[in-house]
């Protein structure tokens, strides 16, 4: 049974939310890498994993764990910030 925070008249599943969140995280990591000229090979070396593993992580197709995310961020010498805010569309009933 899929849970939804949106209500019956606003179709969206936890799976869709998760996929969107994962993609946002991957997009942020790839943006950071581009801005700081870090290649996938560089990241793999810093993480102690194969370049193929980095490609898996950055493909967005797998469920990123906090442990994996922490490893990526530490290897990049970065900090990940999360901001939780109300979904304006949810609050106003739009969508």
PDB file of N, CA and C in Angstrom:
ATOM      1  N   UNK A   1       0.844  -1.171   0.000  1.00  0.00           N
ATOM      2  CA  UNK A   1       0.000   0.000   0.000  1.00  0.00           C
ATOM      3  C   UNK A   1       0.888   1.233   0.000  1.00  0.00           C
ATOM      4  N   UNK A   2       0.726   2.086  -0.997  1.00  0.00           N
ATOM      5  CA  UNK A   2       1.515   3.309  -1.078  1.00  0.00           C
ATOM      6  C   UNK A   2       0.876   4.395  -0.239  1.00  0.00           C
ATOM      7  N   UNK A   3       1.689   5.098   0.506  1.00  0.00           N
ATOM      8  CA  UNK A   3       1.211   6.212   1.309  1.00  0.00           C
ATOM      9  C   UNK A   3       1.360   7.499   0.520  1.00  0.00           C
ATOM     10  N   UNK A   4       0.479   8.428   0.777  1.00  0.00           N
ATOM     11  CA  UNK A   4       0.574   9.717   0.113  1.00  0.00           C
ATOM     12  C   UNK A   4       0.247  10.811   1.095  1.00  0.00           C
ATOM     13  N   UNK A   5       1.027  11.857   1.090  1.00  0.00           N
ATOM     14  CA  UNK A   5       0.762  12.985   1.973  1.00  0.00           C
ATOM     15  C   UNK A   5      -0.159  13.986   1.304  1.00  0.00           C
ATOM     16  N   UNK A   6      -0.568  13.738   0.088  1.00  0.00           N
ATOM     17  CA  UNK A   6      -1.315  14.709  -0.683  1.00  0.00           C
ATOM     18  C   UNK A   6      -2.828  14.551  -0.608  1.00  0.00           C
ATOM     19  N   UNK A   7      -3.309  13.419  -0.233  1.00  0.00           N
ATOM     20  CA  UNK A   7      -4.748  13.230  -0.172  1.00  0.00           C
ATOM     21  C   UNK A   7      -5.254  12.512  -1.405  1.00  0.00           C
ATOM     22  N   UNK A   8      -6.510  12.079  -1.378  1.00  0.00           N
ATOM     23  CA  UNK A   8      -7.073  11.257  -2.439  1.00  0.00           C
ATOM     24  C   UNK A   8      -7.219  11.994  -3.763  1.00  0.00           C
ATOM     25  N   UNK A   9      -7.510  13.293  -3.728  1.00  0.00           N
ATOM     26  CA  UNK A   9      -7.740  14.030  -4.962  1.00  0.00           C
ATOM     27  C   UNK A   9      -6.458  14.507  -5.630  1.00  0.00           C
ATOM     28  N   UNK A  10      -5.325  14.268  -5.029  1.00  0.00           N
ATOM     29  CA  UNK A  10      -4.050  14.720  -5.576  1.00  0.00           C
ATOM     30  C   UNK A  10      -3.114  13.539  -5.691  1.00  0.00           C
ATOM     31  N   UNK A  11      -3.136  12.866  -6.838  1.00  0.00           N
ATOM     32  CA  UNK A  11      -2.363  11.627  -6.966  1.00  0.00           C
ATOM     33  C   UNK A  11      -0.857  11.862  -6.932  1.00  0.00           C
ATOM     34  N   UNK A  12      -0.215  11.251  -5.993  1.00  0.00           N
ATOM     35  CA  UNK A  12       1.236  11.241  -5.897  1.00  0.00           C
ATOM     36  C   UNK A  12       1.586  10.184  -4.864  1.00  0.00           C
ATOM     37  N   UNK A  13       2.550   9.380  -5.165  1.00  0.00           N
ATOM     38  CA  UNK A  13       2.913   8.321  -4.235  1.00  0.00           C
ATOM     39  C   UNK A  13       4.243   8.621  -3.580  1.00  0.00           C
ATOM     40  N   UNK A  14       4.494   7.892  -2.516  1.00  0.00           N
ATOM     41  CA  UNK A  14       5.772   8.006  -1.845  1.00  0.00           C
ATOM     42  C   UNK A  14       6.892   7.652  -2.818  1.00  0.00           C
ATOM     43  N   UNK A  15       6.642   6.676  -3.685  1.00  0.00           N
ATOM     44  CA  UNK A  15       7.656   6.295  -4.669  1.00  0.00           C
ATOM     45  C   UNK A  15       8.008   7.465  -5.579  1.00  0.00           C
ATOM     46  N   UNK A  16       7.009   8.194  -6.044  1.00  0.00           N
ATOM     47  CA  UNK A  16       7.268   9.357  -6.907  1.00  0.00           C
ATOM     48  C   UNK A  16       8.041  10.426  -6.154  1.00  0.00           C
ATOM     49  N   UNK A  17       7.681  10.666  -4.905  1.00  0.00           N
ATOM     50  CA  UNK A  17       8.393  11.642  -4.078  1.00  0.00           C
ATOM     51  C   UNK A  17       9.842  11.217  -3.887  1.00  0.00           C
ATOM     52  N   UNK A  18      10.049   9.925  -3.626  1.00  0.00           N
ATOM     53  CA  UNK A  18      11.394   9.398  -3.406  1.00  0.00           C
ATOM     54  C   UNK A  18      12.248   9.547  -4.650  1.00  0.00           C
ATOM     55  N   UNK A  19      11.689   9.202  -5.788  1.00  0.00           N
ATOM     56  CA  UNK A  19      12.428   9.324  -7.047  1.00  0.00           C
ATOM     57  C   UNK A  19      12.806  10.778  -7.303  1.00  0.00           C
ATOM     58  N   UNK A  20      11.888  11.679  -7.066  1.00  0.00           N
ATOM     59  CA  UNK A  20      12.171  13.102  -7.254  1.00  0.00           C
ATOM     60  C   UNK A  20      13.257  13.589  -6.316  1.00  0.00           C
ATOM     61  N   UNK A  21      13.206  13.162  -5.072  1.00  0.00           N
ATOM     62  CA  UNK A  21      14.216  13.555  -4.093  1.00  0.00           C
ATOM     63  C   UNK A  21      15.579  12.989  -4.469  1.00  0.00           C
ATOM     64  N   UNK A  22      15.612  11.719  -4.862  1.00  0.00           N
ATOM     65  CA  UNK A  22      16.876  11.105  -5.280  1.00  0.00           C
ATOM     66  C   UNK A  22      17.480  11.863  -6.452  1.00  0.00           C
ATOM     67  N   UNK A  23      16.645  12.243  -7.417  1.00  0.00           N
ATOM     68  CA  UNK A  23      17.149  12.956  -8.581  1.00  0.00           C
ATOM     69  C   UNK A  23      17.695  14.326  -8.199  1.00  0.00           C
ATOM     70  N   UNK A  24      17.020  14.997  -7.272  1.00  0.00           N
ATOM     71  CA  UNK A  24      17.512  16.294  -6.800  1.00  0.00           C
ATOM     72  C   UNK A  24      18.878  16.156  -6.141  1.00  0.00           C
ATOM     73  N   UNK A  25      19.052  15.109  -5.347  1.00  0.00           N
ATOM     74  CA  UNK A  25      20.328  14.876  -4.666  1.00  0.00           C
ATOM     75  C   UNK A  25      21.425  14.597  -5.693  1.00  0.00           C
ATOM     76  N   UNK A  26      21.153  13.722  -6.640  1.00  0.00           N
ATOM     77  CA  UNK A  26      22.134  13.395  -7.682  1.00  0.00           C
ATOM     78  C   UNK A  26      22.460  14.642  -8.504  1.00  0.00           C
ATOM     79  N   UNK A  27      21.452  15.422  -8.851  1.00  0.00           N
ATOM     80  CA  UNK A  27      21.688  16.656  -9.608  1.00  0.00           C
ATOM     81  C   UNK A  27      22.590  17.615  -8.835  1.00  0.00           C
ATOM     82  N   UNK A  28      22.369  17.721  -7.537  1.00  0.00           N
ATOM     83  CA  UNK A  28      23.190  18.603  -6.702  1.00  0.00           C
ATOM     84  C   UNK A  28      24.641  18.116  -6.648  1.00  0.00           C
ATOM     85  N   UNK A  29      24.817  16.807  -6.514  1.00  0.00           N
ATOM     86  CA  UNK A  29      26.171  16.245  -6.481  1.00  0.00           C
ATOM     87  C   UNK A  29      26.879  16.470  -7.808  1.00  0.00           C
ATOM     88  N   UNK A  30      26.200  16.202  -8.913  1.00  0.00           N
ATOM     89  CA  UNK A  30      26.846  16.376 -10.224  1.00  0.00           C
ATOM     90  C   UNK A  30      27.127  17.853 -10.501  1.00  0.00           C
ATOM     91  N   UNK A  31      26.252  18.743 -10.041  1.00  0.00           N
ATOM     92  CA  UNK A  31      26.519  20.180 -10.186  1.00  0.00           C
ATOM     93  C   UNK A  31      27.782  20.546  -9.410  1.00  0.00           C
ATOM     94  N   UNK A  32      27.865  20.074  -8.174  1.00  0.00           N
ATOM     95  CA  UNK A  32      29.027  20.374  -7.328  1.00  0.00           C
ATOM     96  C   UNK A  32      30.310  19.858  -7.975  1.00  0.00           C
ATOM     97  N   UNK A  33      30.240  18.641  -8.500  1.00  0.00           N
ATOM     98  CA  UNK A  33      31.411  18.064  -9.152  1.00  0.00           C
ATOM     99  C   UNK A  33      31.838  18.897 -10.359  1.00  0.00           C
ATOM    100  N   UNK A  34      30.881  19.324 -11.149  1.00  0.00           N
ATOM    101  CA  UNK A  34      31.177  20.155 -12.326  1.00  0.00           C
ATOM    102  C   UNK A  34      31.810  21.479 -11.910  1.00  0.00           C
ATOM    103  N   UNK A  35      31.208  22.125 -10.910  1.00  0.00           N
ATOM    104  CA  UNK A  35      31.712  23.427 -10.444  1.00  0.00           C
ATOM    105  C   UNK A  35      33.125  23.339  -9.871  1.00  0.00           C
ATOM    106  N   UNK A  36      33.444  22.214  -9.260  1.00  0.00           N
ATOM    107  CA  UNK A  36      34.755  22.040  -8.618  1.00  0.00           C
ATOM    108  C   UNK A  36      35.692  21.152  -9.423  1.00  0.00           C
ATOM    109  N   UNK A  37      35.298  20.886 -10.680  1.00  0.00           N
ATOM    110  CA  UNK A  37      36.126  20.122 -11.607  1.00  0.00           C
ATOM    111  C   UNK A  37      36.582  18.781 -11.028  1.00  0.00           C
ATOM    112  N   UNK A  38      35.616  18.061 -10.450  1.00  0.00           N
ATOM    113  CA  UNK A  38      35.868  16.730  -9.911  1.00  0.00           C
ATOM    114  C   UNK A  38      35.278  15.723 -10.892  1.00  0.00           C
ATOM    115  N   UNK A  39      36.110  14.820 -11.393  1.00  0.00           N
ATOM    116  CA  UNK A  39      35.631  13.802 -12.316  1.00  0.00           C
ATOM    117  C   UNK A  39      35.088  12.606 -11.529  1.00  0.00           C
ATOM    118  N   UNK A  40      34.391  11.746 -12.237  1.00  0.00           N
ATOM    119  CA  UNK A  40      33.904  10.514 -11.603  1.00  0.00           C
ATOM    120  C   UNK A  40      35.083   9.664 -11.135  1.00  0.00           C
ATOM    121  N   UNK A  41      36.150   9.661 -11.900  1.00  0.00           N
ATOM    122  CA  UNK A  41      37.348   8.914 -11.496  1.00  0.00           C
ATOM    123  C   UNK A  41      37.962   9.509 -10.236  1.00  0.00           C
ATOM    124  N   UNK A  42      38.001  10.843 -10.167  1.00  0.00           N
ATOM    125  CA  UNK A  42      38.503  11.507  -8.953  1.00  0.00           C
ATOM    126  C   UNK A  42      37.673  11.101  -7.741  1.00  0.00           C
ATOM    127  N   UNK A  43      36.354  11.148  -7.915  1.00  0.00           N
ATOM    128  CA  UNK A  43      35.458  10.801  -6.812  1.00  0.00           C
ATOM    129  C   UNK A  43      35.627   9.343  -6.412  1.00  0.00           C
ATOM    130  N   UNK A  44      35.748   8.471  -7.395  1.00  0.00           N
ATOM    131  CA  UNK A  44      35.936   7.047  -7.109  1.00  0.00           C
ATOM    132  C   UNK A  44      37.201   6.831  -6.289  1.00  0.00           C
ATOM    133  N   UNK A  45      38.285   7.488  -6.681  1.00  0.00           N
ATOM    134  CA  UNK A  45      39.540   7.355  -5.946  1.00  0.00           C
ATOM    135  C   UNK A  45      39.413   7.851  -4.514  1.00  0.00           C
ATOM    136  N   UNK A  46      38.746   8.978  -4.331  1.00  0.00           N
ATOM    137  CA  UNK A  46      38.572   9.542  -2.992  1.00  0.00           C
ATOM    138  C   UNK A  46      37.672   8.669  -2.117  1.00  0.00           C
ATOM    139  N   UNK A  47      36.724   7.979  -2.747  1.00  0.00           N
ATOM    140  CA  UNK A  47      35.814   7.111  -2.001  1.00  0.00           C
ATOM    141  C   UNK A  47      36.380   5.715  -1.804  1.00  0.00           C
ATOM    142  N   UNK A  48      37.407   5.354  -2.577  1.00  0.00           N
ATOM    143  CA  UNK A  48      37.970   4.011  -2.505  1.00  0.00           C
ATOM    144  C   UNK A  48      37.077   2.972  -3.164  1.00  0.00           C
ATOM    145  N   UNK A  49      36.369   3.404  -4.211  1.00  0.00           N
ATOM    146  CA  UNK A  49      35.493   2.495  -4.959  1.00  0.00           C
ATOM    147  C   UNK A  49      35.851   2.582  -6.433  1.00  0.00           C
ATOM    148  N   UNK A  50      35.239   1.738  -7.226  1.00  0.00           N
ATOM    149  CA  UNK A  50      35.506   1.755  -8.662  1.00  0.00           C
ATOM    150  C   UNK A  50      34.723   2.885  -9.334  1.00  0.00           C
ATOM    151  N   UNK A  51      35.219   3.351 -10.480  1.00  0.00           N
ATOM    152  CA  UNK A  51      34.457   4.347 -11.241  1.00  0.00           C
ATOM    153  C   UNK A  51      33.064   3.828 -11.612  1.00  0.00           C
ATOM    154  N   UNK A  52      32.939   2.520 -11.815  1.00  0.00           N
ATOM    155  CA  UNK A  52      31.637   1.932 -12.107  1.00  0.00           C
ATOM    156  C   UNK A  52      30.662   2.116 -10.955  1.00  0.00           C
ATOM    157  N   UNK A  53      31.169   2.005  -9.738  1.00  0.00           N
ATOM    158  CA  UNK A  53      30.313   2.212  -8.556  1.00  0.00           C
ATOM    159  C   UNK A  53      29.832   3.659  -8.494  1.00  0.00           C
ATOM    160  N   UNK A  54      30.719   4.590  -8.807  1.00  0.00           N
ATOM    161  CA  UNK A  54      30.326   6.006  -8.824  1.00  0.00           C
ATOM    162  C   UNK A  54      29.256   6.220  -9.888  1.00  0.00           C
ATOM    163  N   UNK A  55      29.412   5.597 -11.031  1.00  0.00           N
ATOM    164  CA  UNK A  55      28.397   5.722 -12.082  1.00  0.00           C
ATOM    165  C   UNK A  55      27.051   5.188 -11.610  1.00  0.00           C
ATOM    166  N   UNK A  56      27.069   4.074 -10.871  1.00  0.00           N
ATOM    167  CA  UNK A  56      25.824   3.536 -10.317  1.00  0.00           C
ATOM    168  C   UNK A  56      25.171   4.545  -9.372  1.00  0.00           C
ATOM    169  N   UNK A  57      25.973   5.129  -8.509  1.00  0.00           N
ATOM    170  CA  UNK A  57      25.458   6.095  -7.540  1.00  0.00           C
ATOM    171  C   UNK A  57      24.864   7.302  -8.246  1.00  0.00           C
ATOM    172  N   UNK A  58      25.574   7.798  -9.255  1.00  0.00           N
ATOM    173  CA  UNK A  58      25.150   9.028  -9.931  1.00  0.00           C
ATOM    174  C   UNK A  58      24.127   8.804 -11.030  1.00  0.00           C
ATOM    175  N   UNK A  59      23.778   7.556 -11.273  1.00  0.00           N
ATOM    176  CA  UNK A  59      22.781   7.282 -12.311  1.00  0.00           C
ATOM    177  C   UNK A  59      21.387   7.687 -11.852  1.00  0.00           C
ATOM    178  N   UNK A  60      21.201   7.766 -10.532  1.00  0.00           N
ATOM    179  CA  UNK A  60      19.891   8.103 -10.003  1.00  0.00           C
ATOM    180  C   UNK A  60      18.947   6.927  -9.983  1.00  0.00           C
ATOM    181  N   UNK A  61      19.403   5.782 -10.434  1.00  0.00           N
ATOM    182  CA  UNK A  61      18.528   4.627 -10.527  1.00  0.00           C
ATOM    183  C   UNK A  61      18.493   3.747  -9.291  1.00  0.00           C
ATOM    184  N   UNK A  62      19.301   4.061  -8.309  1.00  0.00           N
ATOM    185  CA  UNK A  62      19.319   3.223  -7.116  1.00  0.00           C
ATOM    186  C   UNK A  62      18.903   4.032  -5.898  1.00  0.00           C
ATOM    187  N   UNK A  63      18.492   3.330  -4.876  1.00  0.00           N
ATOM    188  CA  UNK A  63      18.080   3.972  -3.641  1.00  0.00           C
ATOM    189  C   UNK A  63      19.323   4.384  -2.868  1.00  0.00           C
ATOM    190  N   UNK A  64      19.590   5.674  -2.820  1.00  0.00           N
ATOM    191  CA  UNK A  64      20.766   6.161  -2.104  1.00  0.00           C
ATOM    192  C   UNK A  64      20.540   6.079  -0.605  1.00  0.00           C
ATOM    193  N   UNK A  65      21.438   5.437   0.087  1.00  0.00           N
ATOM    194  CA  UNK A  65      21.352   5.405   1.546  1.00  0.00           C
ATOM    195  C   UNK A  65      22.063   6.624   2.108  1.00  0.00           C
ATOM    196  N   UNK A  66      21.761   6.940   3.345  1.00  0.00           N
ATOM    197  CA  UNK A  66      22.467   8.050   3.990  1.00  0.00           C
ATOM    198  C   UNK A  66      23.952   7.739   4.109  1.00  0.00           C
ATOM    199  N   UNK A  67      24.283   6.478   4.287  1.00  0.00           N
ATOM    200  CA  UNK A  67      25.691   6.074   4.375  1.00  0.00           C
ATOM    201  C   UNK A  67      26.425   6.373   3.053  1.00  0.00           C
ATOM    202  N   UNK A  68      25.782   6.010   1.938  1.00  0.00           N
ATOM    203  CA  UNK A  68      26.381   6.274   0.631  1.00  0.00           C
ATOM    204  C   UNK A  68      26.485   7.770   0.390  1.00  0.00           C
ATOM    205  N   UNK A  69      25.422   8.488   0.680  1.00  0.00           N
ATOM    206  CA  UNK A  69      25.432   9.937   0.516  1.00  0.00           C
ATOM    207  C   UNK A  69      26.532  10.567   1.367  1.00  0.00           C
ATOM    208  N   UNK A  70      26.675  10.092   2.601  1.00  0.00           N
ATOM    209  CA  UNK A  70      27.736  10.600   3.470  1.00  0.00           C
ATOM    210  C   UNK A  70      29.118  10.332   2.911  1.00  0.00           C
ATOM    211  N   UNK A  71      29.309   9.162   2.310  1.00  0.00           N
ATOM    212  CA  UNK A  71      30.607   8.824   1.705  1.00  0.00           C
ATOM    213  C   UNK A  71      30.924   9.741   0.533  1.00  0.00           C
ATOM    214  N   UNK A  72      29.912  10.005  -0.284  1.00  0.00           N
ATOM    215  CA  UNK A  72      30.112  10.884  -1.441  1.00  0.00           C
ATOM    216  C   UNK A  72      30.477  12.283  -0.976  1.00  0.00           C
ATOM    217  N   UNK A  73      29.715  12.799  -0.031  1.00  0.00           N
ATOM    218  CA  UNK A  73      29.932  14.164   0.451  1.00  0.00           C
ATOM    219  C   UNK A  73      31.302  14.293   1.114  1.00  0.00           C
ATOM    220  N   UNK A  74      31.668  13.312   1.925  1.00  0.00           N
ATOM    221  CA  UNK A  74      32.981  13.347   2.578  1.00  0.00           C
ATOM    222  C   UNK A  74      34.101  13.294   1.547  1.00  0.00           C
ATOM    223  N   UNK A  75      33.949  12.453   0.535  1.00  0.00           N
ATOM    224  CA  UNK A  75      34.974  12.331  -0.504  1.00  0.00           C
ATOM    225  C   UNK A  75      35.109  13.622  -1.306  1.00  0.00           C
ATOM    226  N   UNK A  76      34.020  14.361  -1.426  1.00  0.00           N
ATOM    227  CA  UNK A  76      34.062  15.642  -2.138  1.00  0.00           C
ATOM    228  C   UNK A  76      34.586  16.769  -1.256  1.00  0.00           C
ATOM    229  N   UNK A  77      34.737  16.492   0.034  1.00  0.00           N
ATOM    230  CA  UNK A  77      35.158  17.538   0.962  1.00  0.00           C
ATOM    231  C   UNK A  77      34.097  18.625   1.059  1.00  0.00           C
ATOM    232  N   UNK A  78      32.860  18.192   1.024  1.00  0.00           N
ATOM    233  CA  UNK A  78      31.741  19.129   1.000  1.00  0.00           C
ATOM    234  C   UNK A  78      30.845  18.895   2.201  1.00  0.00           C
ATOM    235  N   UNK A  79      29.790  19.650   2.224  1.00  0.00           N
ATOM    236  CA  UNK A  79      28.784  19.522   3.277  1.00  0.00           C
ATOM    237  C   UNK A  79      27.420  19.546   2.611  1.00  0.00           C
ATOM    238  N   UNK A  80      26.550  18.665   3.032  1.00  0.00           N
ATOM    239  CA  UNK A  80      25.210  18.590   2.462  1.00  0.00           C
ATOM    240  C   UNK A  80      24.239  19.223   3.435  1.00  0.00           C
ATOM    241  N   UNK A  81      23.462  20.175   2.948  1.00  0.00           N
ATOM    242  CA  UNK A  81      22.466  20.825   3.789  1.00  0.00           C
ATOM    243  C   UNK A  81      21.077  20.464   3.287  1.00  0.00           C
ATOM    244  N   UNK A  82      20.184  20.211   4.217  1.00  0.00           N
ATOM    245  CA  UNK A  82      18.818  19.847   3.867  1.00  0.00           C
ATOM    246  C   UNK A  82      17.884  20.882   4.475  1.00  0.00           C
ATOM    247  N   UNK A  83      16.970  21.359   3.666  1.00  0.00           N
ATOM    248  CA  UNK A  83      15.967  22.298   4.151  1.00  0.00           C
ATOM    249  C   UNK A  83      14.596  21.701   3.899  1.00  0.00           C
ATOM    250  N   UNK A  84      13.836  21.562   4.944  1.00  0.00           N
ATOM    251  CA  UNK A  84      12.476  21.057   4.831  1.00  0.00           C
ATOM    252  C   UNK A  84      11.540  22.256   4.932  1.00  0.00           C
ATOM    253  N   UNK A  85      10.688  22.400   3.934  1.00  0.00           N
ATOM    254  CA  UNK A  85       9.764  23.526   3.934  1.00  0.00           C
ATOM    255  C   UNK A  85       8.412  23.051   3.428  1.00  0.00           C
ATOM    256  N   UNK A  86       7.365  23.783   3.730  1.00  0.00           N
ATOM    257  CA  UNK A  86       6.040  23.379   3.264  1.00  0.00           C
ATOM    258  C   UNK A  86       5.971  23.379   1.742  1.00  0.00           C
ATOM    259  N   UNK A  87       5.194  22.445   1.215  1.00  0.00           N
ATOM    260  CA  UNK A  87       4.920  22.390  -0.213  1.00  0.00           C
ATOM    261  C   UNK A  87       3.778  23.367  -0.462  1.00  0.00           C
ATOM    262  N   UNK A  88       4.081  24.512  -1.047  1.00  0.00           N
ATOM    263  CA  UNK A  88       3.067  25.550  -1.258  1.00  0.00           C
ATOM    264  C   UNK A  88       1.869  25.030  -2.033  1.00  0.00           C
ATOM    265  N   UNK A  89       2.111  24.147  -3.005  1.00  0.00           N
ATOM    266  CA  UNK A  89       0.994  23.580  -3.767  1.00  0.00           C
ATOM    267  C   UNK A  89       0.109  22.732  -2.859  1.00  0.00           C
ATOM    268  N   UNK A  90       0.725  22.015  -1.941  1.00  0.00           N
ATOM    269  CA  UNK A  90      -0.041  21.185  -1.016  1.00  0.00           C
ATOM    270  C   UNK A  90      -0.872  22.058  -0.085  1.00  0.00           C
ATOM    271  N   UNK A  91      -0.266  23.113   0.430  1.00  0.00           N
ATOM    272  CA  UNK A  91      -0.936  24.009   1.369  1.00  0.00           C
ATOM    273  C   UNK A  91      -2.100  24.733   0.715  1.00  0.00           C
ATOM    274  N   UNK A  92      -1.927  25.181  -0.531  1.00  0.00           N
ATOM    275  CA  UNK A  92      -2.980  25.938  -1.213  1.00  0.00           C
ATOM    276  C   UNK A  92      -3.993  25.069  -1.924  1.00  0.00           C
ATOM    277  N   UNK A  93      -3.732  23.759  -2.014  1.00  0.00           N
ATOM    278  CA  UNK A  93      -4.654  22.844  -2.681  1.00  0.00           C
ATOM    279  C   UNK A  93      -4.470  22.807  -4.191  1.00  0.00           C
ATOM    280  N   UNK A  94      -3.400  23.394  -4.703  1.00  0.00           N
ATOM    281  CA  UNK A  94      -3.139  23.395  -6.146  1.00  0.00           C
ATOM    282  C   UNK A  94      -2.608  22.027  -6.575  1.00  0.00           C
ATOM    283  N   UNK A  95      -2.552  21.828  -7.881  1.00  0.00           N
ATOM    284  CA  UNK A  95      -2.021  20.638  -8.569  1.00  0.00           C
ATOM    285  C   UNK A  95      -3.113  19.917  -9.199  1.00  0.00           C
TER     286      UNK A  95
END
